[in-house]
Amino acid sequence: MQMQMKNRLSSRLTIVYHQTKSIIYTEHSS
């Protein structure tokens, strides 16, 4: 249970991180 929770949280963070990165990237591109 605990491990699964941690996994979901970490994958969520990864998704947010990549979204933010691509947003920052597009901001700098234009």
PDB file of N, CA and C in Angstrom:
ATOM      1  N   MET A   1       0.843  -1.203   0.000  1.00  0.00           N
ATOM      2  CA  MET A   1       0.000   0.000   0.000  1.00  0.00           C
ATOM      3  C   MET A   1       0.878   1.252   0.000  1.00  0.00           C
ATOM      4  N   GLN A   2       1.768   1.307   0.951  1.00  0.00           N
ATOM      5  CA  GLN A   2       2.637   2.470   1.061  1.00  0.00           C
ATOM      6  C   GLN A   2       3.485   2.644  -0.207  1.00  0.00           C
ATOM      7  N   MET A   3       4.013   1.535  -0.685  1.00  0.00           N
ATOM      8  CA  MET A   3       4.862   1.584  -1.873  1.00  0.00           C
ATOM      9  C   MET A   3       4.083   2.070  -3.086  1.00  0.00           C
ATOM     10  N   GLN A   4       2.867   1.571  -3.233  1.00  0.00           N
ATOM     11  CA  GLN A   4       2.047   1.961  -4.369  1.00  0.00           C
ATOM     12  C   GLN A   4       1.768   3.465  -4.325  1.00  0.00           C
ATOM     13  N   MET A   5       1.497   3.968  -3.149  1.00  0.00           N
ATOM     14  CA  MET A   5       1.224   5.380  -2.965  1.00  0.00           C
ATOM     15  C   MET A   5       2.428   6.200  -3.406  1.00  0.00           C
ATOM     16  N   LYS A   6       3.592   5.754  -2.991  1.00  0.00           N
ATOM     17  CA  LYS A   6       4.817   6.464  -3.333  1.00  0.00           C
ATOM     18  C   LYS A   6       5.039   6.447  -4.843  1.00  0.00           C
ATOM     19  N   ASN A   7       4.745   5.314  -5.449  1.00  0.00           N
ATOM     20  CA  ASN A   7       4.915   5.192  -6.896  1.00  0.00           C
ATOM     21  C   ASN A   7       4.006   6.156  -7.646  1.00  0.00           C
ATOM     22  N   ARG A   8       2.763   6.217  -7.229  1.00  0.00           N
ATOM     23  CA  ARG A   8       1.813   7.123  -7.890  1.00  0.00           C
ATOM     24  C   ARG A   8       2.253   8.565  -7.726  1.00  0.00           C
ATOM     25  N   LEU A   9       2.708   8.907  -6.549  1.00  0.00           N
ATOM     26  CA  LEU A   9       3.149  10.265  -6.286  1.00  0.00           C
ATOM     27  C   LEU A   9       4.354  10.611  -7.150  1.00  0.00           C
ATOM     28  N   SER A  10       5.278   9.691  -7.238  1.00  0.00           N
ATOM     29  CA  SER A  10       6.489   9.949  -8.011  1.00  0.00           C
ATOM     30  C   SER A  10       6.189  10.047  -9.504  1.00  0.00           C
ATOM     31  N   SER A  11       5.275   9.232 -10.002  1.00  0.00           N
ATOM     32  CA  SER A  11       4.933   9.331 -11.421  1.00  0.00           C
ATOM     33  C   SER A  11       4.184  10.632 -11.688  1.00  0.00           C
ATOM     34  N   ARG A  12       3.386  11.042 -10.718  1.00  0.00           N
ATOM     35  CA  ARG A  12       2.668  12.311 -10.836  1.00  0.00           C
ATOM     36  C   ARG A  12       3.661  13.468 -10.917  1.00  0.00           C
ATOM     37  N   LEU A  13       4.672  13.426 -10.057  1.00  0.00           N
ATOM     38  CA  LEU A  13       5.704  14.455 -10.058  1.00  0.00           C
ATOM     39  C   LEU A  13       6.444  14.482 -11.385  1.00  0.00           C
ATOM     40  N   THR A  14       6.734  13.308 -11.905  1.00  0.00           N
ATOM     41  CA  THR A  14       7.447  13.222 -13.182  1.00  0.00           C
ATOM     42  C   THR A  14       6.632  13.872 -14.297  1.00  0.00           C
ATOM     43  N   ILE A  15       5.340  13.599 -14.318  1.00  0.00           N
ATOM     44  CA  ILE A  15       4.461  14.176 -15.338  1.00  0.00           C
ATOM     45  C   ILE A  15       4.448  15.701 -15.221  1.00  0.00           C
ATOM     46  N   VAL A  16       4.255  16.194 -14.017  1.00  0.00           N
ATOM     47  CA  VAL A  16       4.221  17.639 -13.786  1.00  0.00           C
ATOM     48  C   VAL A  16       5.555  18.268 -14.187  1.00  0.00           C
ATOM     49  N   TYR A  17       6.639  17.584 -13.839  1.00  0.00           N
ATOM     50  CA  TYR A  17       7.975  18.081 -14.165  1.00  0.00           C
ATOM     51  C   TYR A  17       8.147  18.225 -15.673  1.00  0.00           C
ATOM     52  N   HIS A  18       7.743  17.224 -16.430  1.00  0.00           N
ATOM     53  CA  HIS A  18       7.890  17.269 -17.882  1.00  0.00           C
ATOM     54  C   HIS A  18       6.970  18.318 -18.497  1.00  0.00           C
ATOM     55  N   GLN A  19       5.779  18.466 -17.949  1.00  0.00           N
ATOM     56  CA  GLN A  19       4.858  19.483 -18.455  1.00  0.00           C
ATOM     57  C   GLN A  19       5.446  20.873 -18.240  1.00  0.00           C
ATOM     58  N   THR A  20       5.961  21.108 -17.040  1.00  0.00           N
ATOM     59  CA  THR A  20       6.557  22.402 -16.723  1.00  0.00           C
ATOM     60  C   THR A  20       7.754  22.669 -17.618  1.00  0.00           C
ATOM     61  N   LYS A  21       8.569  21.639 -17.821  1.00  0.00           N
ATOM     62  CA  LYS A  21       9.752  21.771 -18.655  1.00  0.00           C
ATOM     63  C   LYS A  21       9.371  22.162 -20.074  1.00  0.00           C
ATOM     64  N   SER A  22       8.374  21.517 -20.630  1.00  0.00           N
ATOM     65  CA  SER A  22       7.970  21.817 -22.003  1.00  0.00           C
ATOM     66  C   SER A  22       7.336  23.208 -22.085  1.00  0.00           C
ATOM     67  N   ILE A  23       6.626  23.611 -21.045  1.00  0.00           N
ATOM     68  CA  ILE A  23       6.028  24.954 -21.009  1.00  0.00           C
ATOM     69  C   ILE A  23       7.142  26.000 -20.996  1.00  0.00           C
ATOM     70  N   ILE A  24       8.121  25.808 -20.137  1.00  0.00           N
ATOM     71  CA  ILE A  24       9.255  26.728 -20.054  1.00  0.00           C
ATOM     72  C   ILE A  24       9.981  26.764 -21.395  1.00  0.00           C
ATOM     73  N   TYR A  25      10.139  25.601 -21.998  1.00  0.00           N
ATOM     74  CA  TYR A  25      10.836  25.505 -23.281  1.00  0.00           C
ATOM     75  C   TYR A  25      10.099  26.298 -24.359  1.00  0.00           C
ATOM     76  N   THR A  26       8.794  26.162 -24.428  1.00  0.00           N
ATOM     77  CA  THR A  26       8.029  26.884 -25.445  1.00  0.00           C
ATOM     78  C   THR A  26       8.047  28.380 -25.162  1.00  0.00           C
ATOM     79  N   GLU A  27       8.030  28.764 -23.923  1.00  0.00           N
ATOM     80  CA  GLU A  27       8.084  30.181 -23.562  1.00  0.00           C
ATOM     81  C   GLU A  27       9.378  30.801 -24.080  1.00  0.00           C
ATOM     82  N   HIS A  28      10.474  30.096 -23.917  1.00  0.00           N
ATOM     83  CA  HIS A  28      11.771  30.607 -24.348  1.00  0.00           C
ATOM     84  C   HIS A  28      11.903  30.574 -25.870  1.00  0.00           C
ATOM     85  N   SER A  29      11.220  29.649 -26.500  1.00  0.00           N
ATOM     86  CA  SER A  29      11.319  29.500 -27.955  1.00  0.00           C
ATOM     87  C   SER A  29      10.656  30.679 -28.668  1.00  0.00           C
ATOM     88  N   SER A  30       9.513  31.096 -28.197  1.00  0.00           N
ATOM     89  CA  SER A  30       8.759  32.147 -28.859  1.00  0.00           C
ATOM     90  C   SER A  30       9.162  33.546 -28.456  1.00  0.00           C
TER      91      SER A  30
END
